[in-house]
C-alpha atoms as a PDB file:
ATOM      1  CA  UNK A   1    -102.218 -75.357-155.886  1.00  0.00           C
ATOM      2  CA  UNK A   2    -102.315 -77.009-159.246  1.00  0.00           C
ATOM      3  CA  UNK A   3     -98.895 -75.291-160.164  1.00  0.00           C
ATOM      4  CA  UNK A   4     -97.323 -77.092-156.836  1.00  0.00           C
ATOM      5  CA  UNK A   5     -98.880 -80.573-157.948  1.00  0.00           C
ATOM      6  CA  UNK A   6     -97.342 -79.915-161.457  1.00  0.00           C
ATOM      7  CA  UNK A   7     -93.854 -79.205-159.822  1.00  0.00           C
ATOM      8  CA  UNK A   8     -94.026 -82.242-157.716  1.00  0.00           C
ATOM      9  CA  UNK A   9     -95.411 -84.428-160.408  1.00  0.00           C
ATOM     10  CA  UNK A  10     -92.345 -83.533-162.545  1.00  0.00           C
ATOM     11  CA  UNK A  11     -89.921 -84.093-159.592  1.00  0.00           C
ATOM     12  CA  UNK A  12     -91.249 -87.360-159.592  1.00  0.00           C
ATOM     13  CA  UNK A  13     -91.301 -88.105-162.987  1.00  0.00           C
ATOM     14  CA  UNK A  14     -87.741 -86.916-163.794  1.00  0.00           C
ATOM     15  CA  UNK A  15     -86.351 -88.724-160.810  1.00  0.00           C
ATOM     16  CA  UNK A  16     -87.847 -92.009-161.912  1.00  0.00           C
ATOM     17  CA  UNK A  17     -86.800 -91.819-165.459  1.00  0.00           C
ATOM     18  CA  UNK A  18     -83.171 -91.125-164.215  1.00  0.00           C
ATOM     19  CA  UNK A  19     -83.337 -93.951-161.835  1.00  0.00           C
ATOM     20  CA  UNK A  20     -84.490 -96.197-164.867  1.00  0.00           C
ATOM     21  CA  UNK A  21     -81.505 -95.018-167.010  1.00  0.00           C
ATOM     22  CA  UNK A  22     -79.237 -95.662-164.108  1.00  0.00           C
ATOM     23  CA  UNK A  23     -80.244 -99.133-163.407  1.00  0.00           C
ATOM     24  CA  UNK A  24     -81.428 -99.976-166.956  1.00  0.00           C
ATOM     25  CA  UNK A  25     -77.906 -99.534-168.746  1.00  0.00           C
ATOM     26  CA  UNK A  26     -75.701-100.238-165.510  1.00  0.00           C
ATOM     27  CA  UNK A  27     -74.645-103.706-166.983  1.00  0.00           C
ATOM     28  CA  UNK A  28     -73.818-102.208-170.357  1.00  0.00           C
ATOM     29  CA  UNK A  29     -71.994 -99.146-168.967  1.00  0.00           C
ATOM     30  CA  UNK A  30     -69.986-101.330-166.677  1.00  0.00           C
ATOM     31  CA  UNK A  31     -69.024-103.974-169.057  1.00  0.00           C
ATOM     32  CA  UNK A  32     -67.787-101.178-171.436  1.00  0.00           C
ATOM     33  CA  UNK A  33     -65.711 -99.997-168.480  1.00  0.00           C
ATOM     34  CA  UNK A  34     -64.458-103.678-168.263  1.00  0.00           C
ATOM     35  CA  UNK A  35     -66.325-105.222-165.380  1.00  0.00           C
ATOM     36  CA  UNK A  36     -67.230-109.039-165.199  1.00  0.00           C
ATOM     37  CA  UNK A  37     -70.789-109.833-164.885  1.00  0.00           C
ATOM     38  CA  UNK A  38     -70.032-111.099-161.188  1.00  0.00           C
ATOM     39  CA  UNK A  39     -68.587-107.643-160.516  1.00  0.00           C
ATOM     40  CA  UNK A  40     -71.518-106.037-161.924  1.00  0.00           C
ATOM     41  CA  UNK A  41     -73.929-108.097-159.867  1.00  0.00           C
ATOM     42  CA  UNK A  42     -71.759-106.992-156.657  1.00  0.00           C
ATOM     43  CA  UNK A  43     -72.103-103.424-157.668  1.00  0.00           C
ATOM     44  CA  UNK A  44     -75.821-103.428-157.924  1.00  0.00           C
ATOM     45  CA  UNK A  45     -76.666-105.687-154.913  1.00  0.00           C
ATOM     46  CA  UNK A  46     -74.309-103.783-152.873  1.00  0.00           C
ATOM     47  CA  UNK A  47     -75.927-100.553-154.062  1.00  0.00           C
ATOM     48  CA  UNK A  48     -79.249-101.751-152.951  1.00  0.00           C
ATOM     49  CA  UNK A  49     -78.288-103.004-149.776  1.00  0.00           C
ATOM     50  CA  UNK A  50     -76.494-100.085-148.769  1.00  0.00           C
ATOM     51  CA  UNK A  51     -79.296 -97.671-149.642  1.00  0.00           C
ATOM     52  CA  UNK A  52     -81.533 -99.538-146.797  1.00  0.00           C
ATOM     53  CA  UNK A  53     -78.961 -98.156-144.214  1.00  0.00           C
ATOM     54  CA  UNK A  54     -77.791 -94.976-145.937  1.00  0.00           C
ATOM     55  CA  UNK A  55     -81.537 -93.743-146.790  1.00  0.00           C
ATOM     56  CA  UNK A  56     -82.577 -93.158-143.105  1.00  0.00           C
ATOM     57  CA  UNK A  57     -79.282 -91.657-142.587  1.00  0.00           C
ATOM     58  CA  UNK A  58     -79.317 -89.182-145.379  1.00  0.00           C
ATOM     59  CA  UNK A  59     -83.181 -88.241-144.416  1.00  0.00           C
ATOM     60  CA  UNK A  60     -81.908 -87.732-140.892  1.00  0.00           C
ATOM     61  CA  UNK A  61     -79.274 -85.024-141.792  1.00  0.00           C
ATOM     62  CA  UNK A  62     -82.119 -82.584-142.669  1.00  0.00           C
ATOM     63  CA  UNK A  63     -82.991 -82.342-139.122  1.00  0.00           C
ATOM     64  CA  UNK A  64     -79.357 -82.332-137.748  1.00  0.00           C
ATOM     65  CA  UNK A  65     -77.706 -79.853-140.088  1.00  0.00           C
ATOM     66  CA  UNK A  66     -78.731 -76.414-139.543  1.00  0.00           C
ATOM     67  CA  UNK A  67     -79.752 -74.544-142.905  1.00  0.00           C
ATOM     68  CA  UNK A  68     -79.797 -77.785-144.740  1.00  0.00           C
ATOM     69  CA  UNK A  69     -82.800 -78.261-146.791  1.00  0.00           C
ATOM     70  CA  UNK A  70     -84.233 -80.983-148.827  1.00  0.00           C
ATOM     71  CA  UNK A  71     -83.671 -79.087-151.862  1.00  0.00           C
ATOM     72  CA  UNK A  72     -80.020 -78.471-150.946  1.00  0.00           C
ATOM     73  CA  UNK A  73     -79.294 -81.978-149.880  1.00  0.00           C
ATOM     74  CA  UNK A  74     -81.165 -83.389-153.132  1.00  0.00           C
ATOM     75  CA  UNK A  75     -78.924 -80.744-155.130  1.00  0.00           C
ATOM     76  CA  UNK A  76     -75.736 -82.098-153.466  1.00  0.00           C
ATOM     77  CA  UNK A  77     -76.420 -85.431-153.936  1.00  0.00           C
ATOM     78  CA  UNK A  78     -77.335 -84.941-157.708  1.00  0.00           C
ATOM     79  CA  UNK A  79     -74.073 -82.943-158.231  1.00  0.00           C
ATOM     80  CA  UNK A  80     -72.274 -85.644-156.603  1.00  0.00           C
ATOM     81  CA  UNK A  81     -73.688 -88.213-158.798  1.00  0.00           C
ATOM     82  CA  UNK A  82     -72.980 -86.323-161.854  1.00  0.00           C
ATOM     83  CA  UNK A  83     -69.074 -85.602-161.110  1.00  0.00           C
ATOM     84  CA  UNK A  84     -68.670 -89.421-160.178  1.00  0.00           C
ATOM     85  CA  UNK A  85     -70.379 -90.518-163.259  1.00  0.00           C
ATOM     86  CA  UNK A  86     -68.365 -88.241-165.318  1.00  0.00           C
ATOM     87  CA  UNK A  87     -65.170 -89.346-163.672  1.00  0.00           C
ATOM     88  CA  UNK A  88     -65.825 -93.052-164.148  1.00  0.00           C
ATOM     89  CA  UNK A  89     -66.818 -92.158-167.826  1.00  0.00           C
ATOM     90  CA  UNK A  90     -63.810 -90.495-168.734  1.00  0.00           C
ATOM     91  CA  UNK A  91     -61.014 -91.599-166.528  1.00  0.00           C
ATOM     92  CA  UNK A  92     -59.110 -94.814-166.803  1.00  0.00           C
ATOM     93  CA  UNK A  93     -59.820 -96.346-163.262  1.00  0.00           C
ATOM     94  CA  UNK A  94     -59.105 -99.679-161.781  1.00  0.00           C
ATOM     95  CA  UNK A  95     -62.111-101.900-161.488  1.00  0.00           C
ATOM     96  CA  UNK A  96     -62.355-101.816-157.632  1.00  0.00           C
ATOM     97  CA  UNK A  97     -62.706 -97.902-158.116  1.00  0.00           C
ATOM     98  CA  UNK A  98     -65.170 -98.218-160.592  1.00  0.00           C
ATOM     99  CA  UNK A  99     -67.222-100.432-158.370  1.00  0.00           C
ATOM    100  CA  UNK A 100     -66.784 -98.416-155.151  1.00  0.00           C
ATOM    101  CA  UNK A 101     -67.881 -95.138-157.025  1.00  0.00           C
ATOM    102  CA  UNK A 102     -70.759 -96.775-158.897  1.00  0.00           C
ATOM    103  CA  UNK A 103     -72.064 -98.115-155.549  1.00  0.00           C
ATOM    104  CA  UNK A 104     -72.182 -94.932-154.117  1.00  0.00           C
ATOM    105  CA  UNK A 105     -74.109 -93.577-157.203  1.00  0.00           C
ATOM    106  CA  UNK A 106     -76.763 -96.239-156.733  1.00  0.00           C
ATOM    107  CA  UNK A 107     -76.847 -96.109-153.075  1.00  0.00           C
ATOM    108  CA  UNK A 108     -77.594 -92.272-153.081  1.00  0.00           C
ATOM    109  CA  UNK A 109     -79.919 -92.834-155.848  1.00  0.00           C
ATOM    110  CA  UNK A 110     -82.369 -95.187-154.107  1.00  0.00           C
ATOM    111  CA  UNK A 111     -81.610 -93.059-150.890  1.00  0.00           C
ATOM    112  CA  UNK A 112     -83.460 -90.072-152.271  1.00  0.00           C
ATOM    113  CA  UNK A 113     -86.882 -91.964-152.386  1.00  0.00           C
ATOM    114  CA  UNK A 114     -87.587 -91.130-148.743  1.00  0.00           C
ATOM    115  CA  UNK A 115     -86.346 -87.521-149.498  1.00  0.00           C
ATOM    116  CA  UNK A 116     -89.186 -87.066-152.406  1.00  0.00           C
ATOM    117  CA  UNK A 117     -91.810 -88.368-149.963  1.00  0.00           C
ATOM    118  CA  UNK A 118     -90.432 -85.770-147.307  1.00  0.00           C
ATOM    119  CA  UNK A 119     -90.979 -82.800-149.783  1.00  0.00           C
ATOM    120  CA  UNK A 120     -94.859 -84.076-150.167  1.00  0.00           C
ATOM    121  CA  UNK A 121     -95.118 -84.469-146.541  1.00  0.00           C
ATOM    122  CA  UNK A 122     -93.803 -81.097-145.719  1.00  0.00           C
ATOM    123  CA  UNK A 123     -96.234 -79.511-148.257  1.00  0.00           C
ATOM    124  CA  UNK A 124     -98.991 -81.233-146.426  1.00  0.00           C
ATOM    125  CA  UNK A 125     -97.943 -80.057-142.814  1.00  0.00           C
ATOM    126  CA  UNK A 126     -98.544 -76.557-143.930  1.00  0.00           C
ATOM    127  CA  UNK A 127    -101.669 -76.942-145.562  1.00  0.00           C
ATOM    128  CA  UNK A 128    -100.903 -77.501-149.228  1.00  0.00           C
ATOM    129  CA  UNK A 129    -102.586 -80.379-150.675  1.00  0.00           C
ATOM    130  CA  UNK A 130    -100.533 -82.322-153.110  1.00  0.00           C
ATOM    131  CA  UNK A 131    -101.676 -85.784-154.481  1.00  0.00           C
ATOM    132  CA  UNK A 132     -98.899 -88.363-153.619  1.00  0.00           C
ATOM    133  CA  UNK A 133    -100.625 -91.107-155.286  1.00  0.00           C
ATOM    134  CA  UNK A 134    -100.829 -88.989-158.571  1.00  0.00           C
ATOM    135  CA  UNK A 135     -97.278 -87.890-158.608  1.00  0.00           C
ATOM    136  CA  UNK A 136     -96.223 -91.324-157.790  1.00  0.00           C
ATOM    137  CA  UNK A 137     -98.195 -92.993-160.473  1.00  0.00           C
ATOM    138  CA  UNK A 138     -96.879 -90.628-163.002  1.00  0.00           C
ATOM    139  CA  UNK A 139     -93.449 -91.310-161.933  1.00  0.00           C
ATOM    140  CA  UNK A 140     -94.232 -95.086-162.323  1.00  0.00           C
ATOM    141  CA  UNK A 141     -95.502 -94.427-165.829  1.00  0.00           C
ATOM    142  CA  UNK A 142     -92.459 -92.290-166.445  1.00  0.00           C
ATOM    143  CA  UNK A 143     -90.211 -95.271-165.308  1.00  0.00           C
ATOM    144  CA  UNK A 144     -92.114 -97.773-167.476  1.00  0.00           C
ATOM    145  CA  UNK A 145     -92.048 -95.650-170.538  1.00  0.00           C
ATOM    146  CA  UNK A 146     -88.323 -95.125-170.285  1.00  0.00           C
ATOM    147  CA  UNK A 147     -87.802 -98.836-169.727  1.00  0.00           C
ATOM    148  CA  UNK A 148     -89.979 -99.635-172.826  1.00  0.00           C
ATOM    149  CA  UNK A 149     -87.774 -97.068-175.011  1.00  0.00           C
END
């Protein structure tokens, strides 16, 4: 059980470090790509608003698609985000395309929060105890440490 707890702690910590990096440097990155402060505000705002709608939809895919697991879905989302980030970074794209792609990265990032909770709940359902509060607390410490750096 300690091994499972440590793995879940690590998942929470890595997720929140990545989220902090994404949100903490988005303004610098998008300004580097030529977007204005207004456009950056639109991107971050739309990403957050859409995540409220997309999060439950993404979570619902687990029960709707046969053989789709939380781990597979998270892997697909992370690969998509990495590919989109690489496209935005290395290709000269129009501002509106950069905005749409970055909105999708932000939206999917925040839509993963329920999936992380589902991992814990699934383990609890089968009798494996995981201290969600500890893992979430370590995730918050990892976020704060990353933000401070």
